[in-house]
Amino acid sequence: MTTPALGRPRSETARRAILNAVDDMLVEEGYAAMTMKGIAARAGVGKQTVYRWWSSKAEILLEASAEDAAAELATRPGADAVADLTAYVEAVVRFLTDSHAGLAYRALLGEAQHDPAVAELVRRADVLGPSARAVIDRATGRGDLPARLDPADAVAELIGPILYRVLTGDGDRSPARSRRYVQRYLNRVADR
């Protein structure tokens, strides 16, 4: 016997409208200007609907970002670690610079610097880590990376410099630069 769900069921139409509204508002108004009331109005739903599912605009924005990130950061396995990681690095740069979901993630990272609740939210629902881990696991499985690697360190070492470049406005997005970065990463990690 199944237990019936408590409360009203979540409407997928309302959920999509809210996630789309928060994306649009971020681009048009910026994170600081967004309010739960404004999000509800833009989505065409009641404020109580928004609060029933999320307790803050950061939660909504993270859900919108995470959903898109999973698709945008999924890369096909490459022939070797260089090809595999280069494709992933290029996907991360595109995500962080061209995607509304990436813009949302960057806004949350900024907010996390002075709001402990947002910092905890971003830490618990990491947008980049799982996709990086999948690529690193593929390279490790092929023997291109040492099996003794600490996965969390390997992820941080791969993503950290990319985030730094993007957040500081470094505009070189060339495939050659990504390939050189990946080669240095592989050399550094293999030397351990």
C-alpha atoms as a PDB file:
ATOM      1  CA  MET A   1       0.000   0.000   0.000  1.00  0.00           C
ATOM      2  CA  THR A   2       1.406   3.407  -0.964  1.00  0.00           C
ATOM      3  CA  THR A   3       1.064   6.425   1.242  1.00  0.00           C
ATOM      4  CA  PRO A   4      -0.586   9.363  -0.489  1.00  0.00           C
ATOM      5  CA  ALA A   5       1.574  12.463  -0.901  1.00  0.00           C
ATOM      6  CA  LEU A   6       0.810  15.292   1.459  1.00  0.00           C
ATOM      7  CA  GLY A   7      -0.126  18.703   0.113  1.00  0.00           C
ATOM      8  CA  ARG A   8      -0.911  19.652  -3.427  1.00  0.00           C
ATOM      9  CA  PRO A   9       1.065  17.942  -6.166  1.00  0.00           C
ATOM     10  CA  ARG A  10       3.711  20.019  -7.841  1.00  0.00           C
ATOM     11  CA  SER A  11       2.514  21.317 -11.202  1.00  0.00           C
ATOM     12  CA  GLU A  12       5.195  20.783 -13.825  1.00  0.00           C
ATOM     13  CA  THR A  13       3.766  23.687 -15.832  1.00  0.00           C
ATOM     14  CA  ALA A  14       4.078  26.054 -12.861  1.00  0.00           C
ATOM     15  CA  ARG A  15       7.540  24.730 -12.026  1.00  0.00           C
ATOM     16  CA  ARG A  16       8.759  25.306 -15.594  1.00  0.00           C
ATOM     17  CA  ALA A  17       7.250  28.805 -15.620  1.00  0.00           C
ATOM     18  CA  ILE A  18       9.068  29.668 -12.374  1.00  0.00           C
ATOM     19  CA  LEU A  19      12.409  28.285 -13.575  1.00  0.00           C
ATOM     20  CA  ASN A  20      12.072  30.161 -16.877  1.00  0.00           C
ATOM     21  CA  ALA A  21      11.087  33.348 -15.043  1.00  0.00           C
ATOM     22  CA  VAL A  22      14.121  33.233 -12.774  1.00  0.00           C
ATOM     23  CA  ASP A  23      16.427  32.688 -15.772  1.00  0.00           C
ATOM     24  CA  ASP A  24      14.922  35.618 -17.654  1.00  0.00           C
ATOM     25  CA  MET A  25      14.956  37.900 -14.624  1.00  0.00           C
ATOM     26  CA  LEU A  26      18.596  37.139 -13.888  1.00  0.00           C
ATOM     27  CA  VAL A  27      19.598  38.186 -17.395  1.00  0.00           C
ATOM     28  CA  GLU A  28      17.355  41.271 -17.454  1.00  0.00           C
ATOM     29  CA  GLU A  29      17.594  42.516 -13.860  1.00  0.00           C
ATOM     30  CA  GLY A  30      20.452  40.752 -12.103  1.00  0.00           C
ATOM     31  CA  TYR A  31      20.451  38.621  -8.978  1.00  0.00           C
ATOM     32  CA  ALA A  32      20.146  41.435  -6.423  1.00  0.00           C
ATOM     33  CA  ALA A  33      16.989  42.856  -8.021  1.00  0.00           C
ATOM     34  CA  MET A  34      15.116  39.557  -8.079  1.00  0.00           C
ATOM     35  CA  THR A  35      12.500  38.891  -5.409  1.00  0.00           C
ATOM     36  CA  MET A  36      10.263  35.925  -4.723  1.00  0.00           C
ATOM     37  CA  LYS A  37       7.249  38.173  -5.361  1.00  0.00           C
ATOM     38  CA  GLY A  38       8.705  39.296  -8.689  1.00  0.00           C
ATOM     39  CA  ILE A  39       9.492  35.725  -9.699  1.00  0.00           C
ATOM     40  CA  ALA A  40       5.920  34.677  -8.939  1.00  0.00           C
ATOM     41  CA  ALA A  41       4.501  37.595 -10.914  1.00  0.00           C
ATOM     42  CA  ARG A  42       6.776  36.917 -13.899  1.00  0.00           C
ATOM     43  CA  ALA A  43       5.846  33.207 -13.845  1.00  0.00           C
ATOM     44  CA  GLY A  44       2.130  33.965 -13.534  1.00  0.00           C
ATOM     45  CA  VAL A  45       1.729  31.980 -10.325  1.00  0.00           C
ATOM     46  CA  GLY A  46       0.879  32.902  -6.764  1.00  0.00           C
ATOM     47  CA  LYS A  47       3.664  33.776  -4.364  1.00  0.00           C
ATOM     48  CA  GLN A  48       2.516  30.917  -2.134  1.00  0.00           C
ATOM     49  CA  THR A  49       3.186  28.509  -5.014  1.00  0.00           C
ATOM     50  CA  VAL A  50       6.793  29.667  -5.196  1.00  0.00           C
ATOM     51  CA  TYR A  51       7.263  29.444  -1.422  1.00  0.00           C
ATOM     52  CA  ARG A  52       5.659  26.003  -1.309  1.00  0.00           C
ATOM     53  CA  TRP A  53       8.538  24.586  -3.346  1.00  0.00           C
ATOM     54  CA  TRP A  54      11.491  26.862  -2.609  1.00  0.00           C
ATOM     55  CA  SER A  55      12.460  28.970   0.387  1.00  0.00           C
ATOM     56  CA  SER A  56      14.713  31.420  -1.475  1.00  0.00           C
ATOM     57  CA  LYS A  57      15.515  32.794  -4.909  1.00  0.00           C
ATOM     58  CA  ALA A  58      18.919  31.111  -4.601  1.00  0.00           C
ATOM     59  CA  GLU A  59      17.223  27.692  -4.398  1.00  0.00           C
ATOM     60  CA  ILE A  60      15.181  28.417  -7.527  1.00  0.00           C
ATOM     61  CA  LEU A  61      18.196  29.689  -9.410  1.00  0.00           C
ATOM     62  CA  LEU A  62      20.290  26.688  -8.409  1.00  0.00           C
ATOM     63  CA  GLU A  63      17.606  24.255  -9.534  1.00  0.00           C
ATOM     64  CA  ALA A  64      17.341  26.042 -12.880  1.00  0.00           C
ATOM     65  CA  SER A  65      21.119  26.073 -13.271  1.00  0.00           C
ATOM     66  CA  ALA A  66      21.626  22.447 -12.227  1.00  0.00           C
ATOM     67  CA  GLU A  67      18.990  21.151 -14.595  1.00  0.00           C
ATOM     68  CA  ASP A  68      20.572  22.875 -17.594  1.00  0.00           C
ATOM     69  CA  ALA A  69      24.142  22.169 -16.467  1.00  0.00           C
ATOM     70  CA  ALA A  70      23.604  18.421 -16.535  1.00  0.00           C
ATOM     71  CA  ALA A  71      22.792  18.572 -20.240  1.00  0.00           C
ATOM     72  CA  GLU A  72      25.286  21.289 -21.192  1.00  0.00           C
ATOM     73  CA  LEU A  73      28.247  19.668 -19.428  1.00  0.00           C
ATOM     74  CA  ALA A  74      27.681  16.103 -20.618  1.00  0.00           C
ATOM     75  CA  THR A  75      30.431  15.245 -23.095  1.00  0.00           C
ATOM     76  CA  ARG A  76      31.028  12.164 -25.167  1.00  0.00           C
ATOM     77  CA  PRO A  77      34.003  10.037 -24.223  1.00  0.00           C
ATOM     78  CA  GLY A  78      37.071  10.998 -26.238  1.00  0.00           C
ATOM     79  CA  ALA A  79      39.664   8.692 -27.751  1.00  0.00           C
ATOM     80  CA  ASP A  80      42.070   9.505 -24.921  1.00  0.00           C
ATOM     81  CA  ALA A  81      42.307  11.654 -21.806  1.00  0.00           C
ATOM     82  CA  VAL A  82      43.521  14.720 -23.702  1.00  0.00           C
ATOM     83  CA  ALA A  83      40.575  14.643 -26.117  1.00  0.00           C
ATOM     84  CA  ASP A  84      38.108  13.752 -23.359  1.00  0.00           C
ATOM     85  CA  LEU A  85      39.223  16.429 -20.905  1.00  0.00           C
ATOM     86  CA  THR A  86      39.663  19.078 -23.609  1.00  0.00           C
ATOM     87  CA  ALA A  87      36.062  18.592 -24.767  1.00  0.00           C
ATOM     88  CA  TYR A  88      34.933  18.859 -21.155  1.00  0.00           C
ATOM     89  CA  VAL A  89      37.003  21.987 -20.437  1.00  0.00           C
ATOM     90  CA  GLU A  90      35.546  23.652 -23.538  1.00  0.00           C
ATOM     91  CA  ALA A  91      32.028  22.694 -22.394  1.00  0.00           C
ATOM     92  CA  VAL A  92      32.681  24.219 -18.949  1.00  0.00           C
ATOM     93  CA  VAL A  93      33.955  27.458 -20.481  1.00  0.00           C
ATOM     94  CA  ARG A  94      30.891  27.658 -22.775  1.00  0.00           C
ATOM     95  CA  PHE A  95      28.600  26.908 -19.847  1.00  0.00           C
ATOM     96  CA  LEU A  96      30.136  29.617 -17.664  1.00  0.00           C
ATOM     97  CA  THR A  97      30.346  32.277 -20.366  1.00  0.00           C
ATOM     98  CA  ASP A  98      27.515  31.682 -22.859  1.00  0.00           C
ATOM     99  CA  SER A  99      24.750  29.890 -20.991  1.00  0.00           C
ATOM    100  CA  HIS A 100      22.004  31.439 -18.885  1.00  0.00           C
ATOM    101  CA  ALA A 101      22.475  28.502 -16.525  1.00  0.00           C
ATOM    102  CA  GLY A 102      26.163  29.345 -16.262  1.00  0.00           C
ATOM    103  CA  LEU A 103      25.307  32.978 -15.571  1.00  0.00           C
ATOM    104  CA  ALA A 104      22.998  31.773 -12.797  1.00  0.00           C
ATOM    105  CA  TYR A 105      25.754  29.620 -11.345  1.00  0.00           C
ATOM    106  CA  ARG A 106      28.220  32.520 -11.417  1.00  0.00           C
ATOM    107  CA  ALA A 107      25.651  34.759  -9.696  1.00  0.00           C
ATOM    108  CA  LEU A 108      25.217  32.147  -6.979  1.00  0.00           C
ATOM    109  CA  LEU A 109      28.986  31.858  -6.521  1.00  0.00           C
ATOM    110  CA  GLY A 110      29.143  35.617  -6.043  1.00  0.00           C
ATOM    111  CA  GLU A 111      26.280  35.612  -3.563  1.00  0.00           C
ATOM    112  CA  ALA A 112      27.870  32.696  -1.712  1.00  0.00           C
ATOM    113  CA  GLN A 113      30.842  34.903  -0.837  1.00  0.00           C
ATOM    114  CA  HIS A 114      28.775  36.849   1.683  1.00  0.00           C
ATOM    115  CA  ASP A 115      25.724  34.694   2.360  1.00  0.00           C
ATOM    116  CA  PRO A 116      26.519  31.497   4.310  1.00  0.00           C
ATOM    117  CA  ALA A 117      23.139  29.958   3.436  1.00  0.00           C
ATOM    118  CA  VAL A 118      23.817  30.337  -0.289  1.00  0.00           C
ATOM    119  CA  ALA A 119      27.364  29.031   0.196  1.00  0.00           C
ATOM    120  CA  GLU A 120      25.991  25.903   1.866  1.00  0.00           C
ATOM    121  CA  LEU A 121      23.358  25.496  -0.848  1.00  0.00           C
ATOM    122  CA  VAL A 122      25.977  25.714  -3.615  1.00  0.00           C
ATOM    123  CA  ARG A 123      28.278  23.323  -1.755  1.00  0.00           C
ATOM    124  CA  ARG A 124      25.533  20.722  -1.249  1.00  0.00           C
ATOM    125  CA  ALA A 125      24.179  20.923  -4.798  1.00  0.00           C
ATOM    126  CA  ASP A 126      27.406  21.235  -6.759  1.00  0.00           C
ATOM    127  CA  VAL A 127      26.681  21.999 -10.398  1.00  0.00           C
ATOM    128  CA  LEU A 128      30.138  21.330 -11.881  1.00  0.00           C
ATOM    129  CA  GLY A 129      31.571  18.563  -9.708  1.00  0.00           C
ATOM    130  CA  PRO A 130      29.525  15.576 -10.883  1.00  0.00           C
ATOM    131  CA  SER A 131      30.209  16.230 -14.559  1.00  0.00           C
ATOM    132  CA  ALA A 132      33.943  16.734 -13.915  1.00  0.00           C
ATOM    133  CA  ARG A 133      34.033  13.580 -11.830  1.00  0.00           C
ATOM    134  CA  ALA A 134      32.494  11.572 -14.683  1.00  0.00           C
ATOM    135  CA  VAL A 135      35.209  12.712 -17.101  1.00  0.00           C
ATOM    136  CA  ILE A 136      37.990  12.100 -14.557  1.00  0.00           C
ATOM    137  CA  ASP A 137      36.569   8.636 -13.810  1.00  0.00           C
ATOM    138  CA  ARG A 138      36.640   7.818 -17.536  1.00  0.00           C
ATOM    139  CA  ALA A 139      40.308   8.863 -17.734  1.00  0.00           C
ATOM    140  CA  THR A 140      41.139   6.888 -14.597  1.00  0.00           C
ATOM    141  CA  GLY A 141      39.286   3.844 -15.928  1.00  0.00           C
ATOM    142  CA  ARG A 142      41.359   3.947 -19.121  1.00  0.00           C
ATOM    143  CA  GLY A 143      44.556   4.184 -17.081  1.00  0.00           C
ATOM    144  CA  ASP A 144      45.280   7.744 -18.271  1.00  0.00           C
ATOM    145  CA  LEU A 145      45.160   9.010 -14.683  1.00  0.00           C
ATOM    146  CA  PRO A 146      46.480   7.239 -11.587  1.00  0.00           C
ATOM    147  CA  ALA A 147      43.867   5.250  -9.683  1.00  0.00           C
ATOM    148  CA  ARG A 148      45.212   6.630  -6.392  1.00  0.00           C
ATOM    149  CA  LEU A 149      43.918  10.150  -7.177  1.00  0.00           C
ATOM    150  CA  ASP A 150      41.657  11.728  -4.607  1.00  0.00           C
ATOM    151  CA  PRO A 151      38.524  12.397  -6.697  1.00  0.00           C
ATOM    152  CA  ALA A 152      37.577  15.623  -4.875  1.00  0.00           C
ATOM    153  CA  ASP A 153      41.077  17.052  -5.321  1.00  0.00           C
ATOM    154  CA  ALA A 154      41.180  16.006  -8.977  1.00  0.00           C
ATOM    155  CA  VAL A 155      37.852  17.758  -9.616  1.00  0.00           C
ATOM    156  CA  ALA A 156      38.927  20.934  -7.796  1.00  0.00           C
ATOM    157  CA  GLU A 157      42.243  21.028  -9.643  1.00  0.00           C
ATOM    158  CA  LEU A 158      40.504  20.630 -12.994  1.00  0.00           C
ATOM    159  CA  ILE A 159      37.700  23.131 -12.476  1.00  0.00           C
ATOM    160  CA  GLY A 160      39.361  25.722 -10.214  1.00  0.00           C
ATOM    161  CA  PRO A 161      41.658  27.317 -12.807  1.00  0.00           C
ATOM    162  CA  ILE A 162      38.833  27.426 -15.366  1.00  0.00           C
ATOM    163  CA  LEU A 163      36.564  29.224 -12.907  1.00  0.00           C
ATOM    164  CA  TYR A 164      39.351  31.665 -12.108  1.00  0.00           C
ATOM    165  CA  ARG A 165      39.910  32.460 -15.788  1.00  0.00           C
ATOM    166  CA  VAL A 166      36.220  33.019 -16.423  1.00  0.00           C
ATOM    167  CA  LEU A 167      35.543  35.009 -13.249  1.00  0.00           C
ATOM    168  CA  THR A 168      38.483  37.323 -13.914  1.00  0.00           C
ATOM    169  CA  GLY A 169      37.377  37.939 -17.500  1.00  0.00           C
ATOM    170  CA  ASP A 170      40.208  36.147 -19.282  1.00  0.00           C
ATOM    171  CA  GLY A 171      38.924  36.130 -22.839  1.00  0.00           C
ATOM    172  CA  ASP A 172      41.132  33.476 -24.463  1.00  0.00           C
ATOM    173  CA  ARG A 173      38.708  30.677 -25.238  1.00  0.00           C
ATOM    174  CA  SER A 174      40.723  29.028 -27.982  1.00  0.00           C
ATOM    175  CA  PRO A 175      40.746  25.241 -28.322  1.00  0.00           C
ATOM    176  CA  ALA A 176      44.559  25.379 -28.341  1.00  0.00           C
ATOM    177  CA  ARG A 177      44.585  27.001 -24.912  1.00  0.00           C
ATOM    178  CA  SER A 178      42.163  24.390 -23.549  1.00  0.00           C
ATOM    179  CA  ARG A 179      44.315  21.606 -24.942  1.00  0.00           C
ATOM    180  CA  ARG A 180      47.496  23.096 -23.385  1.00  0.00           C
ATOM    181  CA  TYR A 181      45.684  23.469 -20.055  1.00  0.00           C
ATOM    182  CA  VAL A 182      44.547  19.837 -20.144  1.00  0.00           C
ATOM    183  CA  GLN A 183      48.039  18.629 -20.987  1.00  0.00           C
ATOM    184  CA  ARG A 184      49.487  20.558 -18.009  1.00  0.00           C
ATOM    185  CA  TYR A 185      46.723  19.164 -15.781  1.00  0.00           C
ATOM    186  CA  LEU A 186      47.457  15.588 -16.867  1.00  0.00           C
ATOM    187  CA  ASN A 187      51.203  16.041 -16.388  1.00  0.00           C
ATOM    188  CA  ARG A 188      50.729  17.538 -12.937  1.00  0.00           C
ATOM    189  CA  VAL A 189      48.307  14.846 -11.784  1.00  0.00           C
ATOM    190  CA  ALA A 190      50.365  11.981 -13.271  1.00  0.00           C
ATOM    191  CA  ASP A 191      53.492  13.140 -11.399  1.00  0.00           C
ATOM    192  CA  ARG A 192      51.950  12.366  -8.006  1.00  0.00           C
END
